[in-house]
Amino acid sequence: MGSLQQALVCFEKRLVVAHELGGEGGGKAQAYGELGTLHSQLGNYEQSLSCLEHQLNIARTAGVSIYLTSVLVSADDFTFRPLLNM
């Protein structure tokens, strides 16, 4: 679990950098998607959902269709099953 926690810190820093760089949203969308996947692996399902929703919104706004596919794959994965039982 320690490695995943270290990865979480790095991915959060990556997201900050992506926001600072600005741009059309591709970097931000990717950063949110990766962070959402990591949160899922850590069992942080609500944080995972929040990150993937951000990724989806950025992808829709920026028209970055590759990230829309990524969100759909993540949503179909085990990621949100625990949330469905709430």
PDB file of N, CA and C in Angstrom:
ATOM      1  N   MET A   1       0.819  -1.198   0.000  1.00  0.00           N
ATOM      2  CA  MET A   1       0.000   0.000   0.000  1.00  0.00           C
ATOM      3  C   MET A   1       0.861   1.258   0.000  1.00  0.00           C
ATOM      4  N   GLY A   2       2.070   1.183   0.562  1.00  0.00           N
ATOM      5  CA  GLY A   2       2.931   2.352   0.628  1.00  0.00           C
ATOM      6  C   GLY A   2       3.260   2.931  -0.735  1.00  0.00           C
ATOM      7  N   SER A   3       3.501   2.064  -1.701  1.00  0.00           N
ATOM      8  CA  SER A   3       3.823   2.528  -3.048  1.00  0.00           C
ATOM      9  C   SER A   3       2.646   3.257  -3.676  1.00  0.00           C
ATOM     10  N   LEU A   4       1.439   2.760  -3.419  1.00  0.00           N
ATOM     11  CA  LEU A   4       0.252   3.431  -3.957  1.00  0.00           C
ATOM     12  C   LEU A   4       0.059   4.795  -3.314  1.00  0.00           C
ATOM     13  N   GLN A   5       0.358   4.896  -2.029  1.00  0.00           N
ATOM     14  CA  GLN A   5       0.250   6.190  -1.342  1.00  0.00           C
ATOM     15  C   GLN A   5       1.267   7.179  -1.905  1.00  0.00           C
ATOM     16  N   GLN A   6       2.476   6.693  -2.190  1.00  0.00           N
ATOM     17  CA  GLN A   6       3.492   7.555  -2.791  1.00  0.00           C
ATOM     18  C   GLN A   6       3.065   7.977  -4.194  1.00  0.00           C
ATOM     19  N   ALA A   7       2.483   7.047  -4.924  1.00  0.00           N
ATOM     20  CA  ALA A   7       1.996   7.368  -6.266  1.00  0.00           C
ATOM     21  C   ALA A   7       0.894   8.417  -6.191  1.00  0.00           C
ATOM     22  N   LEU A   8       0.046   8.324  -5.173  1.00  0.00           N
ATOM     23  CA  LEU A   8      -1.035   9.288  -4.997  1.00  0.00           C
ATOM     24  C   LEU A   8      -0.475  10.700  -4.846  1.00  0.00           C
ATOM     25  N   VAL A   9       0.556  10.846  -4.046  1.00  0.00           N
ATOM     26  CA  VAL A   9       1.189  12.160  -3.857  1.00  0.00           C
ATOM     27  C   VAL A   9       1.729  12.676  -5.191  1.00  0.00           C
ATOM     28  N   CYS A  10       2.393  11.813  -5.937  1.00  0.00           N
ATOM     29  CA  CYS A  10       2.958  12.217  -7.232  1.00  0.00           C
ATOM     30  C   CYS A  10       1.857  12.590  -8.230  1.00  0.00           C
ATOM     31  N   PHE A  11       0.776  11.819  -8.272  1.00  0.00           N
ATOM     32  CA  PHE A  11      -0.311  12.086  -9.207  1.00  0.00           C
ATOM     33  C   PHE A  11      -1.035  13.386  -8.855  1.00  0.00           C
ATOM     34  N   GLU A  12      -1.157  13.665  -7.554  1.00  0.00           N
ATOM     35  CA  GLU A  12      -1.781  14.922  -7.145  1.00  0.00           C
ATOM     36  C   GLU A  12      -0.913  16.107  -7.561  1.00  0.00           C
ATOM     37  N   LYS A  13       0.402  15.957  -7.435  1.00  0.00           N
ATOM     38  CA  LYS A  13       1.314  17.014  -7.885  1.00  0.00           C
ATOM     39  C   LYS A  13       1.213  17.188  -9.398  1.00  0.00           C
ATOM     40  N   ARG A  14       1.085  16.084 -10.116  1.00  0.00           N
ATOM     41  CA  ARG A  14       0.948  16.143 -11.573  1.00  0.00           C
ATOM     42  C   ARG A  14      -0.308  16.917 -11.964  1.00  0.00           C
ATOM     43  N   LEU A  15      -1.371  16.722 -11.217  1.00  0.00           N
ATOM     44  CA  LEU A  15      -2.615  17.435 -11.495  1.00  0.00           C
ATOM     45  C   LEU A  15      -2.433  18.931 -11.279  1.00  0.00           C
ATOM     46  N   VAL A  16      -1.731  19.306 -10.226  1.00  0.00           N
ATOM     47  CA  VAL A  16      -1.457  20.724  -9.965  1.00  0.00           C
ATOM     48  C   VAL A  16      -0.675  21.327 -11.131  1.00  0.00           C
ATOM     49  N   VAL A  17       0.342  20.615 -11.591  1.00  0.00           N
ATOM     50  CA  VAL A  17       1.152  21.102 -12.713  1.00  0.00           C
ATOM     51  C   VAL A  17       0.292  21.231 -13.973  1.00  0.00           C
ATOM     52  N   ALA A  18      -0.568  20.244 -14.217  1.00  0.00           N
ATOM     53  CA  ALA A  18      -1.437  20.295 -15.397  1.00  0.00           C
ATOM     54  C   ALA A  18      -2.336  21.523 -15.363  1.00  0.00           C
ATOM     55  N   HIS A  19      -2.837  21.868 -14.175  1.00  0.00           N
ATOM     56  CA  HIS A  19      -3.673  23.073 -14.054  1.00  0.00           C
ATOM     57  C   HIS A  19      -2.847  24.336 -14.276  1.00  0.00           C
ATOM     58  N   GLU A  20      -1.618  24.341 -13.755  1.00  0.00           N
ATOM     59  CA  GLU A  20      -0.761  25.514 -13.922  1.00  0.00           C
ATOM     60  C   GLU A  20      -0.392  25.739 -15.389  1.00  0.00           C
ATOM     61  N   LEU A  21      -0.211  24.643 -16.127  1.00  0.00           N
ATOM     62  CA  LEU A  21       0.149  24.753 -17.539  1.00  0.00           C
ATOM     63  C   LEU A  21      -1.020  25.194 -18.408  1.00  0.00           C
ATOM     64  N   GLY A  22      -2.236  24.934 -17.929  1.00  0.00           N
ATOM     65  CA  GLY A  22      -3.421  25.338 -18.685  1.00  0.00           C
ATOM     66  C   GLY A  22      -3.582  24.523 -19.946  1.00  0.00           C
ATOM     67  N   GLY A  23      -3.930  25.172 -21.026  1.00  0.00           N
ATOM     68  CA  GLY A  23      -4.104  24.474 -22.292  1.00  0.00           C
ATOM     69  C   GLY A  23      -5.538  24.033 -22.504  1.00  0.00           C
ATOM     70  N   GLU A  24      -5.720  23.216 -23.515  1.00  0.00           N
ATOM     71  CA  GLU A  24      -7.054  22.777 -23.923  1.00  0.00           C
ATOM     72  C   GLU A  24      -7.682  21.763 -22.984  1.00  0.00           C
ATOM     73  N   GLY A  25      -6.920  21.152 -22.134  1.00  0.00           N
ATOM     74  CA  GLY A  25      -7.510  20.226 -21.177  1.00  0.00           C
ATOM     75  C   GLY A  25      -7.049  18.798 -21.288  1.00  0.00           C
ATOM     76  N   GLY A  26      -6.317  18.444 -22.340  1.00  0.00           N
ATOM     77  CA  GLY A  26      -5.872  17.072 -22.502  1.00  0.00           C
ATOM     78  C   GLY A  26      -5.025  16.588 -21.343  1.00  0.00           C
ATOM     79  N   GLY A  27      -4.070  17.415 -20.919  1.00  0.00           N
ATOM     80  CA  GLY A  27      -3.215  17.046 -19.790  1.00  0.00           C
ATOM     81  C   GLY A  27      -3.989  16.946 -18.497  1.00  0.00           C
ATOM     82  N   LYS A  28      -4.923  17.869 -18.306  1.00  0.00           N
ATOM     83  CA  LYS A  28      -5.748  17.825 -17.092  1.00  0.00           C
ATOM     84  C   LYS A  28      -6.652  16.602 -17.095  1.00  0.00           C
ATOM     85  N   ALA A  29      -7.243  16.322 -18.244  1.00  0.00           N
ATOM     86  CA  ALA A  29      -8.136  15.165 -18.344  1.00  0.00           C
ATOM     87  C   ALA A  29      -7.374  13.882 -18.040  1.00  0.00           C
ATOM     88  N   GLN A  30      -6.187  13.758 -18.597  1.00  0.00           N
ATOM     89  CA  GLN A  30      -5.390  12.563 -18.361  1.00  0.00           C
ATOM     90  C   GLN A  30      -4.999  12.459 -16.887  1.00  0.00           C
ATOM     91  N   ALA A  31      -4.599  13.573 -16.289  1.00  0.00           N
ATOM     92  CA  ALA A  31      -4.200  13.568 -14.888  1.00  0.00           C
ATOM     93  C   ALA A  31      -5.367  13.170 -13.984  1.00  0.00           C
ATOM     94  N   TYR A  32      -6.553  13.711 -14.247  1.00  0.00           N
ATOM     95  CA  TYR A  32      -7.724  13.331 -13.455  1.00  0.00           C
ATOM     96  C   TYR A  32      -8.055  11.854 -13.631  1.00  0.00           C
ATOM     97  N   GLY A  33      -7.931  11.351 -14.858  1.00  0.00           N
ATOM     98  CA  GLY A  33      -8.223   9.944 -15.107  1.00  0.00           C
ATOM     99  C   GLY A  33      -7.272   9.019 -14.365  1.00  0.00           C
ATOM    100  N   GLU A  34      -5.992   9.340 -14.422  1.00  0.00           N
ATOM    101  CA  GLU A  34      -4.999   8.519 -13.726  1.00  0.00           C
ATOM    102  C   GLU A  34      -5.194   8.587 -12.214  1.00  0.00           C
ATOM    103  N   LEU A  35      -5.500   9.766 -11.720  1.00  0.00           N
ATOM    104  CA  LEU A  35      -5.744   9.920 -10.290  1.00  0.00           C
ATOM    105  C   LEU A  35      -7.002   9.154  -9.871  1.00  0.00           C
ATOM    106  N   GLY A  36      -8.025   9.196 -10.703  1.00  0.00           N
ATOM    107  CA  GLY A  36      -9.247   8.453 -10.409  1.00  0.00           C
ATOM    108  C   GLY A  36      -9.010   6.955 -10.363  1.00  0.00           C
ATOM    109  N   THR A  37      -8.215   6.452 -11.289  1.00  0.00           N
ATOM    110  CA  THR A  37      -7.891   5.025 -11.301  1.00  0.00           C
ATOM    111  C   THR A  37      -7.118   4.643 -10.050  1.00  0.00           C
ATOM    112  N   LEU A  38      -6.176   5.476  -9.659  1.00  0.00           N
ATOM    113  CA  LEU A  38      -5.391   5.200  -8.461  1.00  0.00           C
ATOM    114  C   LEU A  38      -6.273   5.219  -7.217  1.00  0.00           C
ATOM    115  N   HIS A  39      -7.165   6.198  -7.111  1.00  0.00           N
ATOM    116  CA  HIS A  39      -8.084   6.233  -5.966  1.00  0.00           C
ATOM    117  C   HIS A  39      -8.918   4.961  -5.910  1.00  0.00           C
ATOM    118  N   SER A  40      -9.331   4.473  -7.059  1.00  0.00           N
ATOM    119  CA  SER A  40     -10.094   3.231  -7.106  1.00  0.00           C
ATOM    120  C   SER A  40      -9.278   2.067  -6.555  1.00  0.00           C
ATOM    121  N   GLN A  41      -8.008   1.996  -6.947  1.00  0.00           N
ATOM    122  CA  GLN A  41      -7.139   0.925  -6.476  1.00  0.00           C
ATOM    123  C   GLN A  41      -6.935   0.996  -4.966  1.00  0.00           C
ATOM    124  N   LEU A  42      -6.996   2.211  -4.423  1.00  0.00           N
ATOM    125  CA  LEU A  42      -6.840   2.397  -2.981  1.00  0.00           C
ATOM    126  C   LEU A  42      -8.158   2.197  -2.223  1.00  0.00           C
ATOM    127  N   GLY A  43      -9.250   2.005  -2.956  1.00  0.00           N
ATOM    128  CA  GLY A  43     -10.554   1.832  -2.319  1.00  0.00           C
ATOM    129  C   GLY A  43     -11.255   3.135  -2.014  1.00  0.00           C
ATOM    130  N   ASN A  44     -10.732   4.247  -2.518  1.00  0.00           N
ATOM    131  CA  ASN A  44     -11.335   5.567  -2.313  1.00  0.00           C
ATOM    132  C   ASN A  44     -12.335   5.820  -3.449  1.00  0.00           C
ATOM    133  N   TYR A  45     -13.464   5.149  -3.388  1.00  0.00           N
ATOM    134  CA  TYR A  45     -14.373   5.132  -4.533  1.00  0.00           C
ATOM    135  C   TYR A  45     -15.043   6.477  -4.799  1.00  0.00           C
ATOM    136  N   GLU A  46     -15.359   7.213  -3.757  1.00  0.00           N
ATOM    137  CA  GLU A  46     -15.991   8.519  -3.986  1.00  0.00           C
ATOM    138  C   GLU A  46     -15.003   9.499  -4.611  1.00  0.00           C
ATOM    139  N   GLN A  47     -13.731   9.476  -4.162  1.00  0.00           N
ATOM    140  CA  GLN A  47     -12.716  10.319  -4.773  1.00  0.00           C
ATOM    141  C   GLN A  47     -12.475   9.894  -6.213  1.00  0.00           C
ATOM    142  N   SER A  48     -12.493   8.582  -6.451  1.00  0.00           N
ATOM    143  CA  SER A  48     -12.320   8.082  -7.807  1.00  0.00           C
ATOM    144  C   SER A  48     -13.422   8.602  -8.715  1.00  0.00           C
ATOM    145  N   LEU A  49     -14.633   8.509  -8.257  1.00  0.00           N
ATOM    146  CA  LEU A  49     -15.769   8.995  -9.036  1.00  0.00           C
ATOM    147  C   LEU A  49     -15.642  10.483  -9.316  1.00  0.00           C
ATOM    148  N   SER A  50     -15.251  11.257  -8.327  1.00  0.00           N
ATOM    149  CA  SER A  50     -15.096  12.696  -8.497  1.00  0.00           C
ATOM    150  C   SER A  50     -14.035  13.012  -9.562  1.00  0.00           C
ATOM    151  N   CYS A  51     -12.903  12.319  -9.498  1.00  0.00           N
ATOM    152  CA  CYS A  51     -11.838  12.551 -10.485  1.00  0.00           C
ATOM    153  C   CYS A  51     -12.302  12.193 -11.890  1.00  0.00           C
ATOM    154  N   LEU A  52     -12.988  11.065 -12.024  1.00  0.00           N
ATOM    155  CA  LEU A  52     -13.427  10.639 -13.349  1.00  0.00           C
ATOM    156  C   LEU A  52     -14.532  11.542 -13.891  1.00  0.00           C
ATOM    157  N   GLU A  53     -15.352  12.113 -12.996  1.00  0.00           N
ATOM    158  CA  GLU A  53     -16.345  13.095 -13.444  1.00  0.00           C
ATOM    159  C   GLU A  53     -15.653  14.351 -13.954  1.00  0.00           C
ATOM    160  N   HIS A  54     -14.582  14.779 -13.260  1.00  0.00           N
ATOM    161  CA  HIS A  54     -13.807  15.930 -13.734  1.00  0.00           C
ATOM    162  C   HIS A  54     -13.209  15.622 -15.099  1.00  0.00           C
ATOM    163  N   GLN A  55     -12.658  14.421 -15.246  1.00  0.00           N
ATOM    164  CA  GLN A  55     -12.080  14.033 -16.521  1.00  0.00           C
ATOM    165  C   GLN A  55     -13.131  14.086 -17.628  1.00  0.00           C
ATOM    166  N   LEU A  56     -14.302  13.584 -17.345  1.00  0.00           N
ATOM    167  CA  LEU A  56     -15.379  13.576 -18.331  1.00  0.00           C
ATOM    168  C   LEU A  56     -15.780  14.995 -18.717  1.00  0.00           C
ATOM    169  N   ASN A  57     -15.934  15.862 -17.734  1.00  0.00           N
ATOM    170  CA  ASN A  57     -16.329  17.248 -18.011  1.00  0.00           C
ATOM    171  C   ASN A  57     -15.275  17.981 -18.835  1.00  0.00           C
ATOM    172  N   ILE A  58     -14.017  17.773 -18.508  1.00  0.00           N
ATOM    173  CA  ILE A  58     -12.942  18.413 -19.270  1.00  0.00           C
ATOM    174  C   ILE A  58     -12.928  17.877 -20.695  1.00  0.00           C
ATOM    175  N   ALA A  59     -13.057  16.572 -20.831  1.00  0.00           N
ATOM    176  CA  ALA A  59     -13.032  15.963 -22.163  1.00  0.00           C
ATOM    177  C   ALA A  59     -14.198  16.457 -23.014  1.00  0.00           C
ATOM    178  N   ARG A  60     -15.364  16.591 -22.411  1.00  0.00           N
ATOM    179  CA  ARG A  60     -16.521  17.093 -23.158  1.00  0.00           C
ATOM    180  C   ARG A  60     -16.296  18.532 -23.599  1.00  0.00           C
ATOM    181  N   THR A  61     -15.814  19.357 -22.688  1.00  0.00           N
ATOM    182  CA  THR A  61     -15.599  20.771 -22.980  1.00  0.00           C
ATOM    183  C   THR A  61     -14.518  20.967 -24.037  1.00  0.00           C
ATOM    184  N   ALA A  62     -13.432  20.212 -23.904  1.00  0.00           N
ATOM    185  CA  ALA A  62     -12.300  20.371 -24.817  1.00  0.00           C
ATOM    186  C   ALA A  62     -12.463  19.549 -26.088  1.00  0.00           C
ATOM    187  N   GLY A  63     -13.452  18.671 -26.106  1.00  0.00           N
ATOM    188  CA  GLY A  63     -13.649  17.823 -27.273  1.00  0.00           C
ATOM    189  C   GLY A  63     -12.547  16.796 -27.443  1.00  0.00           C
ATOM    190  N   VAL A  64     -12.017  16.321 -26.329  1.00  0.00           N
ATOM    191  CA  VAL A  64     -10.933  15.341 -26.353  1.00  0.00           C
ATOM    192  C   VAL A  64     -11.554  13.955 -26.224  1.00  0.00           C
ATOM    193  N   SER A  65     -11.918  13.368 -27.353  1.00  0.00           N
ATOM    194  CA  SER A  65     -12.704  12.136 -27.340  1.00  0.00           C
ATOM    195  C   SER A  65     -11.960  10.934 -26.780  1.00  0.00           C
ATOM    196  N   ILE A  66     -10.647  10.914 -26.858  1.00  0.00           N
ATOM    197  CA  ILE A  66      -9.925   9.760 -26.329  1.00  0.00           C
ATOM    198  C   ILE A  66     -10.132   9.629 -24.826  1.00  0.00           C
ATOM    199  N   TYR A  67     -10.291  10.745 -24.129  1.00  0.00           N
ATOM    200  CA  TYR A  67     -10.501  10.682 -22.691  1.00  0.00           C
ATOM    201  C   TYR A  67     -11.943  10.312 -22.361  1.00  0.00           C
ATOM    202  N   LEU A  68     -12.862  10.605 -23.246  1.00  0.00           N
ATOM    203  CA  LEU A  68     -14.241  10.141 -23.048  1.00  0.00           C
ATOM    204  C   LEU A  68     -14.263   8.628 -23.048  1.00  0.00           C
ATOM    205  N   THR A  69     -13.533   8.001 -23.932  1.00  0.00           N
ATOM    206  CA  THR A  69     -13.444   6.544 -23.970  1.00  0.00           C
ATOM    207  C   THR A  69     -12.844   6.017 -22.687  1.00  0.00           C
ATOM    208  N   SER A  70     -11.818   6.680 -22.179  1.00  0.00           N
ATOM    209  CA  SER A  70     -11.176   6.264 -20.937  1.00  0.00           C
ATOM    210  C   SER A  70     -12.149   6.298 -19.767  1.00  0.00           C
ATOM    211  N   VAL A  71     -12.970   7.335 -19.692  1.00  0.00           N
ATOM    212  CA  VAL A  71     -13.947   7.443 -18.609  1.00  0.00           C
ATOM    213  C   VAL A  71     -14.964   6.316 -18.712  1.00  0.00           C
ATOM    214  N   LEU A  72     -15.430   6.024 -19.910  1.00  0.00           N
ATOM    215  CA  LEU A  72     -16.414   4.966 -20.090  1.00  0.00           C
ATOM    216  C   LEU A  72     -15.846   3.611 -19.703  1.00  0.00           C
ATOM    217  N   VAL A  73     -14.603   3.356 -20.042  1.00  0.00           N
ATOM    218  CA  VAL A  73     -13.971   2.095 -19.657  1.00  0.00           C
ATOM    219  C   VAL A  73     -13.844   2.019 -18.148  1.00  0.00           C
ATOM    220  N   SER A  74     -13.434   3.102 -17.504  1.00  0.00           N
ATOM    221  CA  SER A  74     -13.304   3.114 -16.053  1.00  0.00           C
ATOM    222  C   SER A  74     -14.646   2.919 -15.378  1.00  0.00           C
ATOM    223  N   ALA A  75     -15.670   3.536 -15.906  1.00  0.00           N
ATOM    224  CA  ALA A  75     -17.005   3.414 -15.313  1.00  0.00           C
ATOM    225  C   ALA A  75     -17.533   1.997 -15.451  1.00  0.00           C
ATOM    226  N   ASP A  76     -17.136   1.301 -16.486  1.00  0.00           N
ATOM    227  CA  ASP A  76     -17.583  -0.066 -16.697  1.00  0.00           C
ATOM    228  C   ASP A  76     -16.772  -1.052 -15.865  1.00  0.00           C
ATOM    229  N   ASP A  77     -15.644  -0.621 -15.375  1.00  0.00           N
ATOM    230  CA  ASP A  77     -14.757  -1.455 -14.588  1.00  0.00           C
ATOM    231  C   ASP A  77     -15.344  -1.628 -13.183  1.00  0.00           C
ATOM    232  N   PHE A  78     -14.569  -2.252 -12.302  1.00  0.00           N
ATOM    233  CA  PHE A  78     -15.019  -2.495 -10.930  1.00  0.00           C
ATOM    234  C   PHE A  78     -15.104  -1.220 -10.120  1.00  0.00           C
ATOM    235  N   THR A  79     -14.626  -0.137 -10.640  1.00  0.00           N
ATOM    236  CA  THR A  79     -14.450   1.107  -9.910  1.00  0.00           C
ATOM    237  C   THR A  79     -15.680   1.534  -9.124  1.00  0.00           C
ATOM    238  N   PHE A  80     -16.863   1.495  -9.735  1.00  0.00           N
ATOM    239  CA  PHE A  80     -18.017   2.091  -9.097  1.00  0.00           C
ATOM    240  C   PHE A  80     -18.994   1.078  -8.506  1.00  0.00           C
ATOM    241  N   ARG A  81     -18.676  -0.184  -8.582  1.00  0.00           N
ATOM    242  CA  ARG A  81     -19.588  -1.183  -8.029  1.00  0.00           C
ATOM    243  C   ARG A  81     -19.900  -0.953  -6.551  1.00  0.00           C
ATOM    244  N   PRO A  82     -18.908  -0.647  -5.709  1.00  0.00           N
ATOM    245  CA  PRO A  82     -19.241  -0.383  -4.298  1.00  0.00           C
ATOM    246  C   PRO A  82     -20.174   0.800  -4.119  1.00  0.00           C
ATOM    247  N   LEU A  83     -20.082   1.809  -4.973  1.00  0.00           N
ATOM    248  CA  LEU A  83     -20.955   2.969  -4.857  1.00  0.00           C
ATOM    249  C   LEU A  83     -22.402   2.617  -5.193  1.00  0.00           C
ATOM    250  N   LEU A  84     -22.602   1.644  -6.050  1.00  0.00           N
ATOM    251  CA  LEU A  84     -23.950   1.259  -6.442  1.00  0.00           C
ATOM    252  C   LEU A  84     -24.707   0.590  -5.305  1.00  0.00           C
ATOM    253  N   ASN A  85     -23.967   0.072  -4.318  1.00  0.00           N
ATOM    254  CA  ASN A  85     -24.591  -0.614  -3.197  1.00  0.00           C
ATOM    255  C   ASN A  85     -24.820   0.292  -1.999  1.00  0.00           C
ATOM    256  N   MET A  86     -24.549   1.585  -2.155  1.00  0.00           N
ATOM    257  CA  MET A  86     -24.698   2.531  -1.032  1.00  0.00           C
ATOM    258  C   MET A  86     -26.148   2.771  -0.722  1.00  0.00           C
TER     259      MET A  86
END
